[in-house]
Amino acid sequence: MQSEVATLRESATVPRVGVGVLLYSSAHPSCVLIGVRKASHGAGKVQLPGGHLEFGESWEECAVREVKEETDLDIGDVTFAHSTNDIMPDDDKHYITIFMQATVRDGQVPVRMEPDKCEGWEWQPWEHLKSPAFQARLFMPLRHLTLSGFTPHTVEH
C-alpha cells in the first residue's frame, strides 16, 4: 500500500472532495436510494446520489444540488452522516467523501436525469448493502461507509 500511496502522491495533486447522499423515504422504510455508476471510475459499482463539492459550496448545498441534478428529487432535513478516506490506486484517485443524509419529500419518484452516468435508481434496504454478497458491488466510498459501523436513521414508518 505504501508504494501505491507514493505513486498516487507523485501523480495527483490533492485529494478531491466527494459528497454522497443517503436518501430516506417514508414510502420505502429502512431503505436508501442507490444506482449503478456508468462511464467513470467505479463503473458498474453501486453508488449513492452525489458528486463533487464545488468551490464555496456548503456540504448541504452540494447534497441538495447533486440530488436534484441526478434524481430530480427535492430533499429536506439535510445533515452530516459520516466521512470516509478513499484512496483508489487503480484509478489514480484519492477522495475524502462526505456523506450527508436527507429525507425525500413525500410523493416523489426518482428520475434518471443523467443516463450517461447512472443506469437507474432503486430503493434498497440498508442491511442488504452490508451483506457480504453485496460488498463487492459497492463503489469504494459506499463500501467503506457500510464497513465503518455507521447506521443510518432510515425512516421506519
Protein backbone atom coordinates (compact mmCIF):
# COMPACT_ATOMS: atom_id res chain seq x y z
CA MET A 1 0.00 0.00 0.00
CA GLN A 2 2.85 2.41 0.77
CA SER A 3 4.19 2.14 -2.80
CA GLU A 4 0.68 2.72 -4.18
CA VAL A 5 0.35 5.80 -1.99
CA ALA A 6 3.78 7.04 -3.13
CA THR A 7 2.74 6.61 -6.78
CA LEU A 8 -0.50 8.50 -6.13
CA ARG A 9 1.39 11.26 -4.38
CA GLU A 10 3.60 11.72 -7.45
CA SER A 11 0.75 11.66 -9.97
CA ALA A 12 -2.04 13.50 -8.16
CA THR A 13 -2.11 16.96 -6.69
CA VAL A 14 -4.52 16.85 -3.75
CA PRO A 15 -7.46 14.68 -2.70
CA ARG A 16 -10.83 15.72 -4.08
CA VAL A 17 -13.96 16.09 -2.00
CA GLY A 18 -16.97 14.00 -2.93
CA VAL A 19 -20.41 14.21 -1.35
CA GLY A 20 -22.66 11.15 -1.21
CA VAL A 21 -26.26 11.43 -0.02
CA LEU A 22 -28.15 8.80 1.94
CA LEU A 23 -31.77 9.42 0.98
CA TYR A 24 -34.62 8.22 3.16
CA SER A 25 -38.31 7.98 2.26
CA SER A 26 -41.41 7.12 4.27
CA ALA A 27 -42.59 5.21 1.17
CA HIS A 28 -39.52 2.93 1.41
CA PRO A 29 -38.91 2.17 5.11
CA SER A 30 -35.37 1.11 6.13
CA CYS A 31 -34.10 1.76 2.59
CA VAL A 32 -31.68 4.12 0.85
CA LEU A 33 -31.63 5.16 -2.81
CA ILE A 34 -28.86 3.56 -4.88
CA GLY A 35 -27.82 3.48 -8.53
CA VAL A 36 -25.14 1.85 -10.69
CA ARG A 37 -22.28 4.03 -11.97
CA LYS A 38 -21.50 4.32 -15.70
CA ALA A 39 -18.57 5.70 -17.72
CA SER A 40 -16.38 6.83 -14.81
CA HIS A 41 -14.06 5.42 -12.19
CA GLY A 42 -16.08 2.80 -10.37
CA ALA A 43 -18.18 2.00 -13.46
CA GLY A 44 -20.54 -0.89 -12.74
CA LYS A 45 -20.46 -0.27 -8.99
CA VAL A 46 -23.39 0.67 -6.75
CA GLN A 47 -23.39 4.29 -5.58
CA LEU A 48 -25.49 6.86 -3.75
CA PRO A 49 -26.58 10.08 -5.43
CA GLY A 50 -23.82 12.67 -5.11
CA GLY A 51 -20.85 14.31 -6.75
CA HIS A 52 -18.06 16.82 -6.29
CA LEU A 53 -18.15 19.65 -3.81
CA GLU A 54 -17.86 22.92 -5.74
CA PHE A 55 -15.71 25.84 -4.60
CA GLY A 56 -17.52 27.94 -1.98
CA GLU A 57 -20.36 25.44 -1.60
CA SER A 58 -21.54 24.03 1.73
CA TRP A 59 -21.96 20.28 2.14
CA GLU A 60 -25.72 20.78 2.46
CA GLU A 61 -25.88 22.87 -0.72
CA CYS A 62 -23.87 20.26 -2.59
CA ALA A 63 -26.20 17.48 -1.40
CA VAL A 64 -29.33 19.36 -2.48
CA ARG A 65 -27.81 20.31 -5.87
CA GLU A 66 -26.43 16.86 -6.70
CA VAL A 67 -29.62 15.03 -5.70
CA LYS A 68 -31.70 17.40 -7.84
CA GLU A 69 -29.31 17.10 -10.82
CA GLU A 70 -29.15 13.31 -10.67
CA THR A 71 -32.63 12.27 -9.49
CA ASP A 72 -34.89 15.36 -9.78
CA LEU A 73 -35.85 14.82 -6.12
CA ASP A 74 -36.42 17.64 -3.65
CA ILE A 75 -34.96 16.86 -0.23
CA GLY A 76 -35.11 18.24 3.29
CA ASP A 77 -33.60 17.67 6.73
CA VAL A 78 -30.09 17.55 5.23
CA THR A 79 -27.50 16.69 7.89
CA PHE A 80 -23.98 15.29 8.13
CA ALA A 81 -23.83 11.49 8.46
CA HIS A 82 -20.20 10.29 8.17
CA SER A 83 -16.98 10.67 6.18
CA THR A 84 -14.50 8.27 4.58
CA ASN A 85 -10.96 8.47 3.23
CA ASP A 86 -10.97 6.70 -0.16
CA ILE A 87 -7.66 6.00 -1.89
CA MET A 88 -8.17 4.39 -5.32
CA PRO A 89 -4.69 3.49 -6.62
CA ASP A 90 -6.03 1.66 -9.71
CA ASP A 91 -7.71 4.89 -10.82
CA ASP A 92 -5.05 7.32 -9.53
CA LYS A 93 -7.69 8.98 -7.36
CA HIS A 94 -7.93 9.98 -3.71
CA TYR A 95 -11.21 11.26 -2.31
CA ILE A 96 -12.45 12.46 1.02
CA THR A 97 -16.12 11.54 0.86
CA ILE A 98 -18.60 13.47 2.98
CA PHE A 99 -21.81 11.52 3.48
CA MET A 100 -24.92 13.57 4.09
CA GLN A 101 -28.37 12.23 4.92
CA ALA A 102 -31.70 13.68 3.88
CA THR A 103 -35.39 12.94 3.59
CA VAL A 104 -37.18 12.81 0.24
CA ARG A 105 -40.36 14.85 0.20
CA ASP A 106 -43.47 12.62 0.05
CA GLY A 107 -44.91 11.55 -3.29
CA GLN A 108 -41.72 11.91 -5.34
CA VAL A 109 -40.20 9.27 -7.59
CA PRO A 110 -36.51 9.36 -8.60
CA VAL A 111 -35.80 10.07 -12.26
CA ARG A 112 -32.60 9.06 -14.06
CA MET A 113 -31.53 12.57 -15.06
CA GLU A 114 -28.01 11.63 -16.20
CA PRO A 115 -28.35 8.40 -18.23
CA ASP A 116 -24.71 8.65 -19.32
CA LYS A 117 -23.59 8.47 -15.66
CA CYS A 118 -26.12 6.15 -13.97
CA GLU A 119 -28.04 3.04 -15.03
CA GLY A 120 -31.03 3.95 -12.85
CA TRP A 121 -32.20 4.41 -9.26
CA GLU A 122 -33.80 1.96 -6.85
CA TRP A 123 -34.59 1.76 -3.15
CA GLN A 124 -32.60 -0.91 -1.34
CA PRO A 125 -32.64 -1.92 2.34
CA TRP A 126 -29.50 -0.66 4.12
CA GLU A 127 -28.92 -4.12 5.60
CA HIS A 128 -28.65 -5.61 2.08
CA LEU A 129 -25.80 -3.22 1.27
CA LYS A 130 -23.90 -4.52 4.30
CA SER A 131 -24.23 -8.18 3.25
CA PRO A 132 -21.04 -9.95 2.06
CA ALA A 133 -22.71 -10.76 -1.28
CA PHE A 134 -23.37 -7.06 -1.95
CA GLN A 135 -20.00 -5.70 -0.75
CA ALA A 136 -18.11 -6.46 -3.98
CA ARG A 137 -20.72 -4.47 -5.94
CA LEU A 138 -20.30 -1.26 -3.92
CA PHE A 139 -18.33 1.79 -5.06
CA MET A 140 -15.39 2.18 -2.67
CA PRO A 141 -16.71 5.12 -0.62
CA LEU A 142 -20.05 3.37 -0.06
CA ARG A 143 -18.28 0.10 0.80
CA HIS A 144 -16.12 1.96 3.33
CA LEU A 145 -19.26 3.52 4.82
CA THR A 146 -21.02 0.15 5.20
CA LEU A 147 -17.92 -1.36 6.85
CA SER A 148 -17.47 1.58 9.25
CA GLY A 149 -20.28 0.56 11.58
CA PHE A 150 -22.37 3.57 10.55
CA THR A 151 -26.12 3.07 10.97
CA PRO A 152 -28.40 5.39 9.01
CA HIS A 153 -31.52 6.89 10.57
CA THR A 154 -33.78 5.40 7.92
CA VAL A 155 -37.46 6.23 8.04
CA GLU A 156 -39.37 3.38 9.67
CA HIS A 157 -43.00 4.41 9.07
